[in-house]
Amino acid sequence: AGFERSLRADDPNGLCTALAPETRSELEESEKASCEKAIASQEI
């Protein structure tokens, strides 16, 4: 529910905080950007 609230509020910091470390790391690596920037490009 916290992840969903962050998604609804367009809160990239909240979304990144909710991610498992390996998921966050893989997102940053695949997008070549910080989690906060990379999460914005995801269509969740």
Full PDB file with SEQRES, HELIX, SHEET, SSBOND, CRYST1, ORIGX, SCALE, CONECT and MASTER records, all heavy atoms in Angstrom:
SEQRES   1 A   44  ALA GLY PHE GLU ARG SER LEU ARG ALA ASP ASP PRO ASN          
SEQRES   2 A   44  GLY LEU CYS THR ALA LEU ALA PRO GLU THR ARG SER GLU          
SEQRES   3 A   44  LEU GLU GLU SER GLU LYS ALA SER CYS GLU LYS ALA ILE          
SEQRES   4 A   44  ALA SER GLN GLU ILE                                          
HELIX    1 AA1 GLY A    2  ARG A    8  1                                   7    
HELIX    2 AA2 PRO A   12  ALA A   18  1                                   7    
HELIX    3 AA3 PRO A   21  GLU A   31  1                                  11    
HELIX    4 AA4 CYS A   35  ALA A   38  1                                   4    
HELIX    5 AA5 ILE A   39  SER A   41  5                                   3    
SSBOND   1 CYS A   16    CYS A   35                          1555   1555  2.07  
CRYST1    1.000    1.000    1.000  90.00  90.00  90.00 P 1           1          
ORIGX1      1.000000  0.000000  0.000000        0.00000                         
ORIGX2      0.000000  1.000000  0.000000        0.00000                         
ORIGX3      0.000000  0.000000  1.000000        0.00000                         
SCALE1      1.000000  0.000000  0.000000        0.00000                         
SCALE2      0.000000  1.000000  0.000000        0.00000                         
SCALE3      0.000000  0.000000  1.000000        0.00000                         
ATOM      1  N   ALA A   1       0.836  -1.206   0.000  1.00  0.00           N  
ATOM      2  CA  ALA A   1       0.000   0.000   0.000  1.00  0.00           C  
ATOM      3  C   ALA A   1       0.871   1.256   0.000  1.00  0.00           C  
ATOM      4  O   ALA A   1       0.549   2.241  -0.673  1.00  0.00           O  
ATOM      5  CB  ALA A   1      -0.936  -0.006   1.205  1.00  0.00           C  
ATOM      6  N   GLY A   2       1.990   1.225   0.719  1.00  0.00           N  
ATOM      7  CA  GLY A   2       2.918   2.355   0.717  1.00  0.00           C  
ATOM      8  C   GLY A   2       3.518   2.582  -0.659  1.00  0.00           C  
ATOM      9  O   GLY A   2       3.659   3.721  -1.118  1.00  0.00           O  
ATOM     10  N   PHE A   3       3.861   1.493  -1.333  1.00  0.00           N  
ATOM     11  CA  PHE A   3       4.381   1.586  -2.703  1.00  0.00           C  
ATOM     12  C   PHE A   3       3.324   2.214  -3.613  1.00  0.00           C  
ATOM     13  O   PHE A   3       3.621   3.111  -4.406  1.00  0.00           O  
ATOM     14  CB  PHE A   3       4.783   0.193  -3.202  1.00  0.00           C  
ATOM     15  CG  PHE A   3       5.380   0.179  -4.576  1.00  0.00           C  
ATOM     16  CD1 PHE A   3       6.719   0.474  -4.765  1.00  0.00           C  
ATOM     17  CD2 PHE A   3       4.613  -0.153  -5.681  1.00  0.00           C  
ATOM     18  CE1 PHE A   3       7.281   0.457  -6.036  1.00  0.00           C  
ATOM     19  CE2 PHE A   3       5.161  -0.183  -6.950  1.00  0.00           C  
ATOM     20  CZ  PHE A   3       6.506   0.124  -7.135  1.00  0.00           C  
ATOM     21  N   GLU A   4       2.097   1.760  -3.476  1.00  0.00           N  
ATOM     22  CA  GLU A   4       0.994   2.300  -4.283  1.00  0.00           C  
ATOM     23  C   GLU A   4       0.751   3.781  -3.994  1.00  0.00           C  
ATOM     24  O   GLU A   4       0.485   4.549  -4.913  1.00  0.00           O  
ATOM     25  CB  GLU A   4      -0.293   1.498  -4.031  1.00  0.00           C  
ATOM     26  CG  GLU A   4      -0.283   0.127  -4.647  1.00  0.00           C  
ATOM     27  CD  GLU A   4      -0.321   0.163  -6.164  1.00  0.00           C  
ATOM     28  OE1 GLU A   4      -1.196   0.846  -6.732  1.00  0.00           O  
ATOM     29  OE2 GLU A   4       0.546  -0.487  -6.771  1.00  0.00           O  
ATOM     30  N   ARG A   5       0.834   4.179  -2.721  1.00  0.00           N  
ATOM     31  CA  ARG A   5       0.677   5.606  -2.375  1.00  0.00           C  
ATOM     32  C   ARG A   5       1.763   6.446  -3.032  1.00  0.00           C  
ATOM     33  O   ARG A   5       1.491   7.511  -3.578  1.00  0.00           O  
ATOM     34  CB  ARG A   5       0.720   5.802  -0.856  1.00  0.00           C  
ATOM     35  CG  ARG A   5      -0.599   5.584  -0.157  1.00  0.00           C  
ATOM     36  CD  ARG A   5      -0.577   6.066   1.288  1.00  0.00           C  
ATOM     37  NE  ARG A   5       0.478   5.455   2.101  1.00  0.00           N  
ATOM     38  CZ  ARG A   5       0.407   4.259   2.659  1.00  0.00           C  
ATOM     39  NH1 ARG A   5      -0.684   3.512   2.501  1.00  0.00           N  
ATOM     40  NH2 ARG A   5       1.404   3.795   3.381  1.00  0.00           N  
ATOM     41  N   SER A   6       2.992   5.949  -3.002  1.00  0.00           N  
ATOM     42  CA  SER A   6       4.100   6.672  -3.640  1.00  0.00           C  
ATOM     43  C   SER A   6       3.895   6.748  -5.147  1.00  0.00           C  
ATOM     44  O   SER A   6       4.190   7.774  -5.773  1.00  0.00           O  
ATOM     45  CB  SER A   6       5.434   5.993  -3.330  1.00  0.00           C  
ATOM     46  OG  SER A   6       5.740   6.106  -1.967  1.00  0.00           O  
ATOM     47  N   LEU A   7       3.382   5.691  -5.726  1.00  0.00           N  
ATOM     48  CA  LEU A   7       3.100   5.672  -7.162  1.00  0.00           C  
ATOM     49  C   LEU A   7       2.013   6.686  -7.504  1.00  0.00           C  
ATOM     50  O   LEU A   7       2.160   7.480  -8.443  1.00  0.00           O  
ATOM     51  CB  LEU A   7       2.675   4.258  -7.569  1.00  0.00           C  
ATOM     52  CG  LEU A   7       2.601   3.928  -9.044  1.00  0.00           C  
ATOM     53  CD1 LEU A   7       3.945   4.128  -9.716  1.00  0.00           C  
ATOM     54  CD2 LEU A   7       2.153   2.477  -9.212  1.00  0.00           C  
ATOM     55  N   ARG A   8       0.945   6.692  -6.720  1.00  0.00           N  
ATOM     56  CA  ARG A   8      -0.162   7.624  -6.931  1.00  0.00           C  
ATOM     57  C   ARG A   8       0.282   9.073  -6.757  1.00  0.00           C  
ATOM     58  O   ARG A   8      -0.155   9.959  -7.486  1.00  0.00           O  
ATOM     59  CB  ARG A   8      -1.297   7.302  -5.954  1.00  0.00           C  
ATOM     60  CG  ARG A   8      -2.648   7.824  -6.360  1.00  0.00           C  
ATOM     61  CD  ARG A   8      -3.787   7.369  -5.436  1.00  0.00           C  
ATOM     62  NE  ARG A   8      -3.760   5.971  -5.051  1.00  0.00           N  
ATOM     63  CZ  ARG A   8      -3.442   5.519  -3.833  1.00  0.00           C  
ATOM     64  NH1 ARG A   8      -3.141   6.336  -2.863  1.00  0.00           N  
ATOM     65  NH2 ARG A   8      -3.449   4.228  -3.580  1.00  0.00           N  
ATOM     66  N   ALA A   9       1.184   9.320  -5.801  1.00  0.00           N  
ATOM     67  CA  ALA A   9       1.651  10.677  -5.504  1.00  0.00           C  
ATOM     68  C   ALA A   9       2.803  11.096  -6.412  1.00  0.00           C  
ATOM     69  O   ALA A   9       3.310  12.211  -6.280  1.00  0.00           O  
ATOM     70  CB  ALA A   9       2.092  10.762  -4.045  1.00  0.00           C  
ATOM     71  N   ASP A  10       3.204  10.214  -7.325  1.00  0.00           N  
ATOM     72  CA  ASP A  10       4.342  10.485  -8.204  1.00  0.00           C  
ATOM     73  C   ASP A  10       5.568  10.870  -7.368  1.00  0.00           C  
ATOM     74  O   ASP A  10       6.209  11.890  -7.603  1.00  0.00           O  
ATOM     75  CB  ASP A  10       3.987  11.572  -9.227  1.00  0.00           C  
ATOM     76  CG  ASP A  10       4.981  11.615 -10.380  1.00  0.00           C  
ATOM     77  OD1 ASP A  10       5.634  10.582 -10.642  1.00  0.00           O  
ATOM     78  OD2 ASP A  10       5.126  12.686 -10.996  1.00  0.00           O  
ATOM     79  N   ASP A  11       5.860  10.031  -6.372  1.00  0.00           N  
ATOM     80  CA  ASP A  11       6.943  10.258  -5.421  1.00  0.00           C  
ATOM     81  C   ASP A  11       8.090   9.282  -5.698  1.00  0.00           C  
ATOM     82  O   ASP A  11       8.117   8.176  -5.140  1.00  0.00           O  
ATOM     83  CB  ASP A  11       6.404  10.070  -3.999  1.00  0.00           C  
ATOM     84  CG  ASP A  11       7.465  10.153  -2.926  1.00  0.00           C  
ATOM     85  OD1 ASP A  11       8.610  10.569  -3.220  1.00  0.00           O  
ATOM     86  OD2 ASP A  11       7.159   9.791  -1.771  1.00  0.00           O  
ATOM     87  N   PRO A  12       9.044   9.666  -6.549  1.00  0.00           N  
ATOM     88  CA  PRO A  12      10.127   8.743  -6.896  1.00  0.00           C  
ATOM     89  C   PRO A  12      10.974   8.337  -5.697  1.00  0.00           C  
ATOM     90  O   PRO A  12      11.423   7.188  -5.624  1.00  0.00           O  
ATOM     91  CB  PRO A  12      10.957   9.500  -7.930  1.00  0.00           C  
ATOM     92  CG  PRO A  12      10.503  10.898  -7.886  1.00  0.00           C  
ATOM     93  CD  PRO A  12       9.165  10.936  -7.255  1.00  0.00           C  
ATOM     94  N   ASN A  13      11.189   9.219  -4.742  1.00  0.00           N  
ATOM     95  CA  ASN A  13      11.972   8.869  -3.556  1.00  0.00           C  
ATOM     96  C   ASN A  13      11.260   7.778  -2.749  1.00  0.00           C  
ATOM     97  O   ASN A  13      11.883   6.810  -2.309  1.00  0.00           O  
ATOM     98  CB  ASN A  13      12.231  10.101  -2.690  1.00  0.00           C  
ATOM     99  CG  ASN A  13      13.176   9.798  -1.560  1.00  0.00           C  
ATOM    100  OD1 ASN A  13      14.235   9.223  -1.765  1.00  0.00           O  
ATOM    101  ND2 ASN A  13      12.787  10.173  -0.351  1.00  0.00           N  
ATOM    102  N   GLY A  14       9.955   7.923  -2.564  1.00  0.00           N  
ATOM    103  CA  GLY A  14       9.180   6.912  -1.852  1.00  0.00           C  
ATOM    104  C   GLY A  14       9.192   5.574  -2.560  1.00  0.00           C  
ATOM    105  O   GLY A  14       9.303   4.517  -1.924  1.00  0.00           O  
ATOM    106  N   LEU A  15       9.091   5.609  -3.883  1.00  0.00           N  
ATOM    107  CA  LEU A  15       9.121   4.365  -4.664  1.00  0.00           C  
ATOM    108  C   LEU A  15      10.480   3.673  -4.522  1.00  0.00           C  
ATOM    109  O   LEU A  15      10.540   2.464  -4.303  1.00  0.00           O  
ATOM    110  CB  LEU A  15       8.839   4.653  -6.138  1.00  0.00           C  
ATOM    111  CG  LEU A  15       7.406   5.054  -6.476  1.00  0.00           C  
ATOM    112  CD1 LEU A  15       7.317   5.581  -7.896  1.00  0.00           C  
ATOM    113  CD2 LEU A  15       6.463   3.882  -6.279  1.00  0.00           C  
ATOM    114  N   CYS A  16      11.541   4.448  -4.618  1.00  0.00           N  
ATOM    115  CA  CYS A  16      12.884   3.867  -4.516  1.00  0.00           C  
ATOM    116  C   CYS A  16      13.149   3.312  -3.125  1.00  0.00           C  
ATOM    117  O   CYS A  16      13.780   2.266  -2.984  1.00  0.00           O  
ATOM    118  CB  CYS A  16      13.928   4.913  -4.903  1.00  0.00           C  
ATOM    119  SG  CYS A  16      13.892   5.288  -6.677  1.00  0.00           S  
ATOM    120  N   THR A  17      12.657   3.980  -2.108  1.00  0.00           N  
ATOM    121  CA  THR A  17      12.811   3.495  -0.737  1.00  0.00           C  
ATOM    122  C   THR A  17      12.087   2.169  -0.550  1.00  0.00           C  
ATOM    123  O   THR A  17      12.534   1.319   0.216  1.00  0.00           O  
ATOM    124  CB  THR A  17      12.274   4.546   0.259  1.00  0.00           C  
ATOM    125  OG1 THR A  17      13.029   5.736   0.099  1.00  0.00           O  
ATOM    126  CG2 THR A  17      12.372   4.076   1.686  1.00  0.00           C  
ATOM    127  N   ALA A  18      10.987   1.970  -1.269  1.00  0.00           N  
ATOM    128  CA  ALA A  18      10.184   0.757  -1.144  1.00  0.00           C  
ATOM    129  C   ALA A  18      10.773  -0.435  -1.890  1.00  0.00           C  
ATOM    130  O   ALA A  18      10.351  -1.574  -1.682  1.00  0.00           O  
ATOM    131  CB  ALA A  18       8.766   1.016  -1.645  1.00  0.00           C  
ATOM    132  N   LEU A  19      11.762  -0.195  -2.749  1.00  0.00           N  
ATOM    133  CA  LEU A  19      12.332  -1.276  -3.557  1.00  0.00           C  
ATOM    134  C   LEU A  19      13.362  -2.098  -2.790  1.00  0.00           C  
ATOM    135  O   LEU A  19      14.120  -1.573  -1.979  1.00  0.00           O  
ATOM    136  CB  LEU A  19      13.008  -0.704  -4.813  1.00  0.00           C  
ATOM    137  CG  LEU A  19      12.115  -0.042  -5.840  1.00  0.00           C  
ATOM    138  CD1 LEU A  19      12.957   0.480  -7.005  1.00  0.00           C  
ATOM    139  CD2 LEU A  19      11.026  -0.968  -6.337  1.00  0.00           C  
ATOM    140  N   ALA A  20      13.406  -3.373  -3.116  1.00  0.00           N  
ATOM    141  CA  ALA A  20      14.454  -4.252  -2.592  1.00  0.00           C  
ATOM    142  C   ALA A  20      15.796  -3.785  -3.157  1.00  0.00           C  
ATOM    143  O   ALA A  20      15.851  -3.262  -4.278  1.00  0.00           O  
ATOM    144  CB  ALA A  20      14.170  -5.694  -3.017  1.00  0.00           C  
ATOM    145  N   PRO A  21      16.878  -3.952  -2.415  1.00  0.00           N  
ATOM    146  CA  PRO A  21      18.181  -3.463  -2.873  1.00  0.00           C  
ATOM    147  C   PRO A  21      18.576  -3.950  -4.271  1.00  0.00           C  
ATOM    148  O   PRO A  21      19.050  -3.159  -5.093  1.00  0.00           O  
ATOM    149  CB  PRO A  21      19.155  -3.994  -1.812  1.00  0.00           C  
ATOM    150  CG  PRO A  21      18.322  -4.197  -0.596  1.00  0.00           C  
ATOM    151  CD  PRO A  21      16.954  -4.564  -1.084  1.00  0.00           C  
ATOM    152  N   GLU A  22      18.390  -5.224  -4.558  1.00  0.00           N  
ATOM    153  CA  GLU A  22      18.781  -5.752  -5.869  1.00  0.00           C  
ATOM    154  C   GLU A  22      17.900  -5.187  -6.990  1.00  0.00           C  
ATOM    155  O   GLU A  22      18.372  -4.926  -8.091  1.00  0.00           O  
ATOM    156  CB  GLU A  22      18.716  -7.278  -5.868  1.00  0.00           C  
ATOM    157  CG  GLU A  22      19.372  -7.887  -7.089  1.00  0.00           C  
ATOM    158  CD  GLU A  22      19.531  -9.389  -6.966  1.00  0.00           C  
ATOM    159  OE1 GLU A  22      19.943  -9.868  -5.896  1.00  0.00           O  
ATOM    160  OE2 GLU A  22      19.243 -10.062  -7.960  1.00  0.00           O  
ATOM    161  N   THR A  23      16.630  -4.978  -6.710  1.00  0.00           N  
ATOM    162  CA  THR A  23      15.723  -4.399  -7.706  1.00  0.00           C  
ATOM    163  C   THR A  23      16.134  -2.965  -8.009  1.00  0.00           C  
ATOM    164  O   THR A  23      16.210  -2.553  -9.171  1.00  0.00           O  
ATOM    165  CB  THR A  23      14.269  -4.457  -7.203  1.00  0.00           C  
ATOM    166  OG1 THR A  23      13.946  -5.814  -6.905  1.00  0.00           O  
ATOM    167  CG2 THR A  23      13.299  -3.912  -8.231  1.00  0.00           C  
ATOM    168  N   ARG A  24      16.419  -2.210  -6.959  1.00  0.00           N  
ATOM    169  CA  ARG A  24      16.865  -0.823  -7.125  1.00  0.00           C  
ATOM    170  C   ARG A  24      18.170  -0.771  -7.927  1.00  0.00           C  
ATOM    171  O   ARG A  24      18.306   0.004  -8.868  1.00  0.00           O  
ATOM    172  CB  ARG A  24      17.039  -0.180  -5.754  1.00  0.00           C  
ATOM    173  CG  ARG A  24      17.452   1.258  -5.826  1.00  0.00           C  
ATOM    174  CD  ARG A  24      17.601   1.865  -4.443  1.00  0.00           C  
ATOM    175  NE  ARG A  24      18.049   3.230  -4.557  1.00  0.00           N  
ATOM    176  CZ  ARG A  24      17.621   4.219  -3.804  1.00  0.00           C  
ATOM    177  NH1 ARG A  24      16.740   3.995  -2.848  1.00  0.00           N  
ATOM    178  NH2 ARG A  24      18.077   5.440  -3.976  1.00  0.00           N  
ATOM    179  N   SER A  25      19.101  -1.633  -7.568  1.00  0.00           N  
ATOM    180  CA  SER A  25      20.393  -1.669  -8.245  1.00  0.00           C  
ATOM    181  C   SER A  25      20.246  -2.023  -9.726  1.00  0.00           C  
ATOM    182  O   SER A  25      20.864  -1.400 -10.594  1.00  0.00           O  
ATOM    183  CB  SER A  25      21.298  -2.681  -7.545  1.00  0.00           C  
ATOM    184  OG  SER A  25      22.526  -2.779  -8.188  1.00  0.00           O  
ATOM    185  N   GLU A  26      19.420  -3.019 -10.003  1.00  0.00           N  
ATOM    186  CA  GLU A  26      19.222  -3.416 -11.402  1.00  0.00           C  
ATOM    187  C   GLU A  26      18.549  -2.308 -12.211  1.00  0.00           C  
ATOM    188  O   GLU A  26      18.899  -2.071 -13.364  1.00  0.00           O  
ATOM    189  CB  GLU A  26      18.403  -4.703 -11.479  1.00  0.00           C  
ATOM    190  CG  GLU A  26      18.343  -5.229 -12.899  1.00  0.00           C  
ATOM    191  CD  GLU A  26      18.007  -6.695 -12.965  1.00  0.00           C  
ATOM    192  OE1 GLU A  26      18.595  -7.478 -12.205  1.00  0.00           O  
ATOM    193  OE2 GLU A  26      17.166  -7.042 -13.801  1.00  0.00           O  
ATOM    194  N   LEU A  27      17.604  -1.608 -11.603  1.00  0.00           N  
ATOM    195  CA  LEU A  27      16.938  -0.484 -12.275  1.00  0.00           C  
ATOM    196  C   LEU A  27      17.950   0.603 -12.615  1.00  0.00           C  
ATOM    197  O   LEU A  27      17.994   1.095 -13.749  1.00  0.00           O  
ATOM    198  CB  LEU A  27      15.828   0.074 -11.386  1.00  0.00           C  
ATOM    199  CG  LEU A  27      15.154   1.363 -11.869  1.00  0.00           C  
ATOM    200  CD1 LEU A  27      14.423   1.138 -13.188  1.00  0.00           C  
ATOM    201  CD2 LEU A  27      14.196   1.879 -10.802  1.00  0.00           C  
ATOM    202  N   GLU A  28      18.775   0.965 -11.645  1.00  0.00           N  
ATOM    203  CA  GLU A  28      19.777   2.016 -11.872  1.00  0.00           C  
ATOM    204  C   GLU A  28      20.775   1.609 -12.953  1.00  0.00           C  
ATOM    205  O   GLU A  28      21.138   2.413 -13.806  1.00  0.00           O  
ATOM    206  CB  GLU A  28      20.515   2.329 -10.561  1.00  0.00           C  
ATOM    207  CG  GLU A  28      19.640   3.031  -9.548  1.00  0.00           C  
ATOM    208  CD  GLU A  28      20.294   3.182  -8.188  1.00  0.00           C  
ATOM    209  OE1 GLU A  28      21.179   2.360  -7.826  1.00  0.00           O  
ATOM    210  OE2 GLU A  28      19.905   4.112  -7.470  1.00  0.00           O  
ATOM    211  N   GLU A  29      21.182   0.343 -12.911  1.00  0.00           N  
ATOM    212  CA  GLU A  29      22.145  -0.137 -13.894  1.00  0.00           C  
ATOM    213  C   GLU A  29      21.543  -0.183 -15.297  1.00  0.00           C  
ATOM    214  O   GLU A  29      22.168   0.252 -16.264  1.00  0.00           O  
ATOM    215  CB  GLU A  29      22.639  -1.526 -13.492  1.00  0.00           C  
ATOM    216  CG  GLU A  29      23.784  -2.026 -14.341  1.00  0.00           C  
ATOM    217  CD  GLU A  29      24.314  -3.353 -13.846  1.00  0.00           C  
ATOM    218  OE1 GLU A  29      24.566  -3.467 -12.633  1.00  0.00           O  
ATOM    219  OE2 GLU A  29      24.478  -4.262 -14.683  1.00  0.00           O  
ATOM    220  N   SER A  30      20.339  -0.684 -15.420  1.00  0.00           N  
ATOM    221  CA  SER A  30      19.723  -0.807 -16.748  1.00  0.00           C  
ATOM    222  C   SER A  30      19.374   0.544 -17.359  1.00  0.00           C  
ATOM    223  O   SER A  30      19.450   0.725 -18.569  1.00  0.00           O  
ATOM    224  CB  SER A  30      18.493  -1.707 -16.703  1.00  0.00           C  
ATOM    225  OG  SER A  30      17.445  -1.084 -15.998  1.00  0.00           O  
ATOM    226  N   GLU A  31      19.023   1.510 -16.516  1.00  0.00           N  
ATOM    227  CA  GLU A  31      18.648   2.840 -17.022  1.00  0.00           C  
ATOM    228  C   GLU A  31      19.821   3.819 -17.005  1.00  0.00           C  
ATOM    229  O   GLU A  31      19.689   4.954 -17.456  1.00  0.00           O  
ATOM    230  CB  GLU A  31      17.496   3.409 -16.194  1.00  0.00           C  
ATOM    231  CG  GLU A  31      16.205   2.615 -16.297  1.00  0.00           C  
ATOM    232  CD  GLU A  31      15.592   2.661 -17.685  1.00  0.00           C  
ATOM    233  OE1 GLU A  31      15.634   3.733 -18.326  1.00  0.00           O  
ATOM    234  OE2 GLU A  31      15.063   1.626 -18.120  1.00  0.00           O  
ATOM    235  N   LYS A  32      20.945   3.405 -16.431  1.00  0.00           N  
ATOM    236  CA  LYS A  32      22.133   4.263 -16.317  1.00  0.00           C  
ATOM    237  C   LYS A  32      21.791   5.617 -15.695  1.00  0.00           C  
ATOM    238  O   LYS A  32      22.181   6.669 -16.176  1.00  0.00           O  
ATOM    239  CB  LYS A  32      22.790   4.484 -17.691  1.00  0.00           C  
ATOM    240  CG  LYS A  32      23.131   3.229 -18.448  1.00  0.00           C  
ATOM    241  CD  LYS A  32      24.356   2.560 -17.884  1.00  0.00           C  
ATOM    242  CE  LYS A  32      24.838   1.435 -18.768  1.00  0.00           C  
ATOM    243  NZ  LYS A  32      24.551   0.116 -18.284  1.00  0.00           N  
ATOM    244  N   ALA A  33      21.032   5.555 -14.610  1.00  0.00           N  
ATOM    245  CA  ALA A  33      20.590   6.769 -13.911  1.00  0.00           C  
ATOM    246  C   ALA A  33      20.305   6.422 -12.458  1.00  0.00           C  
ATOM    247  O   ALA A  33      20.199   5.245 -12.097  1.00  0.00           O  
ATOM    248  CB  ALA A  33      19.327   7.328 -14.570  1.00  0.00           C  
ATOM    249  N   SER A  34      20.171   7.452 -11.635  1.00  0.00           N  
ATOM    250  CA  SER A  34      19.795   7.230 -10.235  1.00  0.00           C  
ATOM    251  C   SER A  34      18.406   6.611 -10.199  1.00  0.00           C  
ATOM    252  O   SER A  34      17.621   6.749 -11.148  1.00  0.00           O  
ATOM    253  CB  SER A  34      19.798   8.549  -9.469  1.00  0.00           C  
ATOM    254  OG  SER A  34      18.719   9.364  -9.905  1.00  0.00           O  
ATOM    255  N   CYS A  35      18.094   5.947  -9.125  1.00  0.00           N  
ATOM    256  CA  CYS A  35      16.784   5.301  -9.000  1.00  0.00           C  
ATOM    257  C   CYS A  35      15.664   6.310  -9.193  1.00  0.00           C  
ATOM    258  O   CYS A  35      14.697   6.050  -9.904  1.00  0.00           O  
ATOM    259  CB  CYS A  35      16.665   4.618  -7.637  1.00  0.00           C  
ATOM    260  SG  CYS A  35      15.085   3.761  -7.416  1.00  0.00           S  
ATOM    261  N   GLU A  36      15.800   7.477  -8.558  1.00  0.00           N  
ATOM    262  CA  GLU A  36      14.752   8.500  -8.626  1.00  0.00           C  
ATOM    263  C   GLU A  36      14.477   8.937 -10.065  1.00  0.00           C  
ATOM    264  O   GLU A  36      13.335   9.187 -10.442  1.00  0.00           O  
ATOM    265  CB  GLU A  36      15.114   9.705  -7.752  1.00  0.00           C  
ATOM    266  CG  GLU A  36      15.024   9.434  -6.262  1.00  0.00           C  
ATOM    267  CD  GLU A  36      16.182   8.614  -5.694  1.00  0.00           C  
ATOM    268  OE1 GLU A  36      17.184   8.361  -6.408  1.00  0.00           O  
ATOM    269  OE2 GLU A  36      16.081   8.198  -4.523  1.00  0.00           O  
ATOM    270  N   LYS A  37      15.513   9.014 -10.895  1.00  0.00           N  
ATOM    271  CA  LYS A  37      15.316   9.374 -12.312  1.00  0.00           C  
ATOM    272  C   LYS A  37      14.836   8.168 -13.112  1.00  0.00           C  
ATOM    273  O   LYS A  37      13.965   8.284 -13.967  1.00  0.00           O  
ATOM    274  CB  LYS A  37      16.606   9.929 -12.903  1.00  0.00           C  
ATOM    275  CG  LYS A  37      16.948  11.302 -12.393  1.00  0.00           C  
ATOM    276  CD  LYS A  37      18.174  11.852 -13.056  1.00  0.00           C  
ATOM    277  CE  LYS A  37      18.483  13.232 -12.462  1.00  0.00           C  
ATOM    278  NZ  LYS A  37      19.687  13.797 -13.033  1.00  0.00           N  
ATOM    279  N   ALA A  38      15.411   7.011 -12.831  1.00  0.00           N  
ATOM    280  CA  ALA A  38      15.094   5.805 -13.590  1.00  0.00           C  
ATOM    281  C   ALA A  38      13.662   5.327 -13.363  1.00  0.00           C  
ATOM    282  O   ALA A  38      13.004   4.857 -14.294  1.00  0.00           O  
ATOM    283  CB  ALA A  38      16.070   4.688 -13.232  1.00  0.00           C  
ATOM    284  N   ILE A  39      13.157   5.475 -12.147  1.00  0.00           N  
ATOM    285  CA  ILE A  39      11.811   4.978 -11.836  1.00  0.00           C  
ATOM    286  C   ILE A  39      10.744   5.729 -12.639  1.00  0.00           C  
ATOM    287  O   ILE A  39       9.698   5.182 -12.971  1.00  0.00           O  
ATOM    288  CB  ILE A  39      11.521   5.022 -10.314  1.00  0.00           C  
ATOM    289  CG1 ILE A  39      10.337   4.111  -9.937  1.00  0.00           C  
ATOM    290  CG2 ILE A  39      11.242   6.417  -9.820  1.00  0.00           C  
ATOM    291  CD1 ILE A  39      10.701   2.726  -9.648  1.00  0.00           C  
ATOM    292  N   ALA A  40      11.041   6.968 -12.978  1.00  0.00           N  
ATOM    293  CA  ALA A  40      10.091   7.778 -13.747  1.00  0.00           C  
ATOM    294  C   ALA A  40       9.869   7.217 -15.149  1.00  0.00           C  
ATOM    295  O   ALA A  40       8.804   7.429 -15.741  1.00  0.00           O  
ATOM    296  CB  ALA A  40      10.584   9.215 -13.826  1.00  0.00           C  
ATOM    297  N   SER A  41      10.853   6.489 -15.678  1.00  0.00           N  
ATOM    298  CA  SER A  41      10.715   5.947 -17.030  1.00  0.00           C  
ATOM    299  C   SER A  41       9.964   4.613 -17.055  1.00  0.00           C  
ATOM    300  O   SER A  41       9.664   4.092 -18.129  1.00  0.00           O  
ATOM    301  CB  SER A  41      12.093   5.761 -17.663  1.00  0.00           C  
ATOM    302  OG  SER A  41      12.793   4.724 -16.999  1.00  0.00           O  
ATOM    303  N   GLN A  42       9.646   4.083 -15.894  1.00  0.00           N  
ATOM    304  CA  GLN A  42       8.953   2.795 -15.813  1.00  0.00           C  
ATOM    305  C   GLN A  42       7.439   3.002 -15.896  1.00  0.00           C  
ATOM    306  O   GLN A  42       6.908   3.919 -15.300  1.00  0.00           O  
ATOM    307  CB  GLN A  42       9.307   2.091 -14.502  1.00  0.00           C  
ATOM    308  CG  GLN A  42      10.778   1.901 -14.278  1.00  0.00           C  
ATOM    309  CD  GLN A  42      11.436   1.105 -15.388  1.00  0.00           C  
ATOM    310  OE1 GLN A  42      11.062  -0.040 -15.643  1.00  0.00           O  
ATOM    311  NE2 GLN A  42      12.413   1.694 -16.048  1.00  0.00           N  
ATOM    312  N   GLU A  43       6.778   2.158 -16.622  1.00  0.00           N  
ATOM    313  CA  GLU A  43       5.320   2.247 -16.744  1.00  0.00           C  
ATOM    314  C   GLU A  43       4.670   1.251 -15.793  1.00  0.00           C  
ATOM    315  O   GLU A  43       4.199   0.191 -16.201  1.00  0.00           O  
ATOM    316  CB  GLU A  43       4.898   2.006 -18.187  1.00  0.00           C  
ATOM    317  CG  GLU A  43       5.388   3.102 -19.117  1.00  0.00           C  
ATOM    318  CD  GLU A  43       4.914   2.919 -20.544  1.00  0.00           C  
ATOM    319  OE1 GLU A  43       3.909   2.204 -20.768  1.00  0.00           O  
ATOM    320  OE2 GLU A  43       5.562   3.479 -21.429  1.00  0.00           O  
ATOM    321  N   ILE A  44       4.651   1.633 -14.523  1.00  0.00           N  
ATOM    322  CA  ILE A  44       4.068   0.779 -13.490  1.00  0.00           C  
ATOM    323  C   ILE A  44       2.628   1.239 -13.280  1.00  0.00           C  
ATOM    324  O   ILE A  44       2.392   2.398 -12.960  1.00  0.00           O  
ATOM    325  CB  ILE A  44       4.857   0.893 -12.170  1.00  0.00           C  
ATOM    326  CG1 ILE A  44       6.326   0.550 -12.412  1.00  0.00           C  
ATOM    327  CG2 ILE A  44       4.248  -0.017 -11.106  1.00  0.00           C  
ATOM    328  CD1 ILE A  44       7.238   0.929 -11.271  1.00  0.00           C  
TER     329      ILE A  44                                                      
CONECT  119  260                                                                
CONECT  260  119                                                                
MASTER        0    0    0    5    0    0    0    6  328    1    2    4          
END                                                                             
